[in-house]
């Protein structure tokens, strides 16, 4: 949100994701440093229009203030759980990941 140069690189980064990742990849655009409103170079409207045009999920965070830092990960996990429940999730993983860290409860997911 505070650095125009990074925002300008997004289109190229999305092209690389499209080129090298599977078609089923979920892309999340995270606008960090919302606590620095006075140094903002990217307007809220511009970020939202970009994310809508590129069909990516957009979320604002502040790592400094711990605002919405976990939300992108929880939302992504909930979306993957939802797709798994609907059997639309493509399994591209060759070996299971270790079961470490926090578990995600279905109750934390807001399925619409």
C-alpha atoms as a PDB file:
ATOM      1  CA  UNK A   1       0.000   0.000   0.000  1.00  0.00           C
ATOM      2  CA  UNK A   2       2.959   2.288   0.576  1.00  0.00           C
ATOM      3  CA  UNK A   3       5.241   1.404  -2.323  1.00  0.00           C
ATOM      4  CA  UNK A   4       4.218   2.104  -5.929  1.00  0.00           C
ATOM      5  CA  UNK A   5       7.115   0.101  -7.372  1.00  0.00           C
ATOM      6  CA  UNK A   6       5.920  -3.123  -5.719  1.00  0.00           C
ATOM      7  CA  UNK A   7       2.378  -2.540  -6.936  1.00  0.00           C
ATOM      8  CA  UNK A   8       3.633  -2.062 -10.494  1.00  0.00           C
ATOM      9  CA  UNK A   9       5.360  -5.472 -10.330  1.00  0.00           C
ATOM     10  CA  UNK A  10       2.120  -7.301  -9.508  1.00  0.00           C
ATOM     11  CA  UNK A  11       1.112  -7.929 -13.115  1.00  0.00           C
ATOM     12  CA  UNK A  12       4.465  -9.557 -13.849  1.00  0.00           C
ATOM     13  CA  UNK A  13       4.299 -11.661 -10.683  1.00  0.00           C
ATOM     14  CA  UNK A  14       0.794 -12.817 -11.599  1.00  0.00           C
ATOM     15  CA  UNK A  15       2.029 -13.774 -15.094  1.00  0.00           C
ATOM     16  CA  UNK A  16       4.760 -15.867 -13.473  1.00  0.00           C
ATOM     17  CA  UNK A  17       2.219 -17.579 -11.223  1.00  0.00           C
ATOM     18  CA  UNK A  18       0.062 -18.312 -14.268  1.00  0.00           C
ATOM     19  CA  UNK A  19       3.083 -19.636 -16.176  1.00  0.00           C
ATOM     20  CA  UNK A  20       4.583 -21.849 -13.469  1.00  0.00           C
ATOM     21  CA  UNK A  21       1.732 -22.823 -11.116  1.00  0.00           C
ATOM     22  CA  UNK A  22      -1.187 -25.138 -11.735  1.00  0.00           C
ATOM     23  CA  UNK A  23      -4.440 -23.697 -13.045  1.00  0.00           C
ATOM     24  CA  UNK A  24      -6.108 -24.398  -9.702  1.00  0.00           C
ATOM     25  CA  UNK A  25      -3.814 -22.139  -7.657  1.00  0.00           C
ATOM     26  CA  UNK A  26      -5.569 -19.643  -5.387  1.00  0.00           C
ATOM     27  CA  UNK A  27      -3.928 -16.226  -5.533  1.00  0.00           C
ATOM     28  CA  UNK A  28      -4.190 -13.770  -2.651  1.00  0.00           C
ATOM     29  CA  UNK A  29      -3.147 -10.120  -2.875  1.00  0.00           C
ATOM     30  CA  UNK A  30      -2.161  -8.842   0.570  1.00  0.00           C
ATOM     31  CA  UNK A  31      -1.761  -5.095   0.997  1.00  0.00           C
ATOM     32  CA  UNK A  32       0.488  -4.625   4.023  1.00  0.00           C
ATOM     33  CA  UNK A  33       1.399  -1.566   6.093  1.00  0.00           C
ATOM     34  CA  UNK A  34      -2.125  -0.170   6.357  1.00  0.00           C
ATOM     35  CA  UNK A  35      -0.927   1.432   9.599  1.00  0.00           C
ATOM     36  CA  UNK A  36       1.101   3.884   7.474  1.00  0.00           C
ATOM     37  CA  UNK A  37      -1.896   5.691   5.963  1.00  0.00           C
ATOM     38  CA  UNK A  38       0.080   8.916   5.582  1.00  0.00           C
ATOM     39  CA  UNK A  39       2.644   7.195   3.354  1.00  0.00           C
ATOM     40  CA  UNK A  40       0.091   5.381   1.205  1.00  0.00           C
ATOM     41  CA  UNK A  41       0.921   5.423  -2.518  1.00  0.00           C
ATOM     42  CA  UNK A  42      -1.770   2.959  -3.638  1.00  0.00           C
ATOM     43  CA  UNK A  43      -5.390   3.989  -3.095  1.00  0.00           C
ATOM     44  CA  UNK A  44      -7.893   1.516  -1.701  1.00  0.00           C
ATOM     45  CA  UNK A  45      -9.966   1.864  -4.868  1.00  0.00           C
ATOM     46  CA  UNK A  46      -6.987   1.160  -7.132  1.00  0.00           C
ATOM     47  CA  UNK A  47      -6.038  -1.968  -5.176  1.00  0.00           C
ATOM     48  CA  UNK A  48      -9.623  -3.240  -5.214  1.00  0.00           C
ATOM     49  CA  UNK A  49     -10.017  -2.555  -8.945  1.00  0.00           C
ATOM     50  CA  UNK A  50      -6.754  -4.366  -9.684  1.00  0.00           C
ATOM     51  CA  UNK A  51      -7.697  -7.402  -7.604  1.00  0.00           C
ATOM     52  CA  UNK A  52     -11.137  -7.556  -9.204  1.00  0.00           C
ATOM     53  CA  UNK A  53      -9.700  -7.254 -12.726  1.00  0.00           C
ATOM     54  CA  UNK A  54      -7.144  -9.984 -12.003  1.00  0.00           C
ATOM     55  CA  UNK A  55      -9.665 -12.172 -10.142  1.00  0.00           C
ATOM     56  CA  UNK A  56      -7.539 -12.415  -7.001  1.00  0.00           C
ATOM     57  CA  UNK A  57      -8.617 -12.232  -3.370  1.00  0.00           C
ATOM     58  CA  UNK A  58      -7.545  -8.936  -1.759  1.00  0.00           C
ATOM     59  CA  UNK A  59      -6.950  -8.261   1.919  1.00  0.00           C
ATOM     60  CA  UNK A  60      -5.316  -5.407   3.847  1.00  0.00           C
ATOM     61  CA  UNK A  61      -2.983  -6.066   6.780  1.00  0.00           C
ATOM     62  CA  UNK A  62      -0.608  -4.442   9.199  1.00  0.00           C
ATOM     63  CA  UNK A  63       2.152  -6.697  10.469  1.00  0.00           C
ATOM     64  CA  UNK A  64       3.281  -3.959  12.840  1.00  0.00           C
ATOM     65  CA  UNK A  65      -0.133  -3.761  14.517  1.00  0.00           C
ATOM     66  CA  UNK A  66      -0.923  -7.472  14.027  1.00  0.00           C
ATOM     67  CA  UNK A  67      -4.051  -6.471  12.124  1.00  0.00           C
ATOM     68  CA  UNK A  68      -5.430  -9.188   9.797  1.00  0.00           C
ATOM     69  CA  UNK A  69      -2.046 -10.966   9.677  1.00  0.00           C
ATOM     70  CA  UNK A  70      -3.542 -14.456  10.136  1.00  0.00           C
ATOM     71  CA  UNK A  71      -6.675 -13.763   8.085  1.00  0.00           C
ATOM     72  CA  UNK A  72      -5.212 -14.469   4.614  1.00  0.00           C
ATOM     73  CA  UNK A  73      -3.954 -17.859   5.809  1.00  0.00           C
ATOM     74  CA  UNK A  74      -7.182 -18.772   7.595  1.00  0.00           C
ATOM     75  CA  UNK A  75      -9.320 -17.664   4.637  1.00  0.00           C
ATOM     76  CA  UNK A  76      -7.162 -19.682   2.253  1.00  0.00           C
ATOM     77  CA  UNK A  77      -7.339 -22.742   4.523  1.00  0.00           C
ATOM     78  CA  UNK A  78     -11.125 -22.402   4.755  1.00  0.00           C
ATOM     79  CA  UNK A  79     -11.403 -22.134   0.987  1.00  0.00           C
ATOM     80  CA  UNK A  80      -9.288 -25.265   0.541  1.00  0.00           C
ATOM     81  CA  UNK A  81     -11.419 -27.104   3.112  1.00  0.00           C
ATOM     82  CA  UNK A  82     -14.559 -26.022   1.266  1.00  0.00           C
ATOM     83  CA  UNK A  83     -13.174 -27.226  -2.062  1.00  0.00           C
ATOM     84  CA  UNK A  84     -12.094 -30.512  -0.483  1.00  0.00           C
ATOM     85  CA  UNK A  85     -15.598 -30.998   0.929  1.00  0.00           C
ATOM     86  CA  UNK A  86     -17.026 -30.391  -2.542  1.00  0.00           C
ATOM     87  CA  UNK A  87     -14.421 -32.707  -4.098  1.00  0.00           C
ATOM     88  CA  UNK A  88     -13.237 -29.929  -6.417  1.00  0.00           C
ATOM     89  CA  UNK A  89      -9.738 -29.765  -4.963  1.00  0.00           C
ATOM     90  CA  UNK A  90      -7.077 -31.202  -7.250  1.00  0.00           C
ATOM     91  CA  UNK A  91      -4.466 -33.237  -5.393  1.00  0.00           C
ATOM     92  CA  UNK A  92      -1.070 -32.241  -6.764  1.00  0.00           C
ATOM     93  CA  UNK A  93       0.855 -33.158  -3.620  1.00  0.00           C
ATOM     94  CA  UNK A  94       3.098 -36.189  -4.028  1.00  0.00           C
ATOM     95  CA  UNK A  95       3.608 -36.773  -0.292  1.00  0.00           C
ATOM     96  CA  UNK A  96       1.598 -35.672   2.731  1.00  0.00           C
ATOM     97  CA  UNK A  97       2.783 -32.683   4.719  1.00  0.00           C
ATOM     98  CA  UNK A  98       3.724 -33.134   8.374  1.00  0.00           C
ATOM     99  CA  UNK A  99       0.904 -32.505  10.829  1.00  0.00           C
ATOM    100  CA  UNK A 100       2.444 -29.681  12.818  1.00  0.00           C
ATOM    101  CA  UNK A 101       1.079 -26.372  14.042  1.00  0.00           C
ATOM    102  CA  UNK A 102      -2.476 -25.233  14.606  1.00  0.00           C
ATOM    103  CA  UNK A 103      -5.426 -27.134  13.262  1.00  0.00           C
ATOM    104  CA  UNK A 104      -8.189 -25.363  11.377  1.00  0.00           C
ATOM    105  CA  UNK A 105     -11.669 -25.892  12.739  1.00  0.00           C
ATOM    106  CA  UNK A 106     -14.572 -26.058  10.325  1.00  0.00           C
ATOM    107  CA  UNK A 107     -16.330 -23.730  12.766  1.00  0.00           C
ATOM    108  CA  UNK A 108     -13.900 -20.905  11.960  1.00  0.00           C
ATOM    109  CA  UNK A 109     -14.807 -21.076   8.291  1.00  0.00           C
ATOM    110  CA  UNK A 110     -17.656 -18.978   6.991  1.00  0.00           C
ATOM    111  CA  UNK A 111     -18.938 -21.089   4.101  1.00  0.00           C
ATOM    112  CA  UNK A 112     -21.305 -19.183   1.848  1.00  0.00           C
END
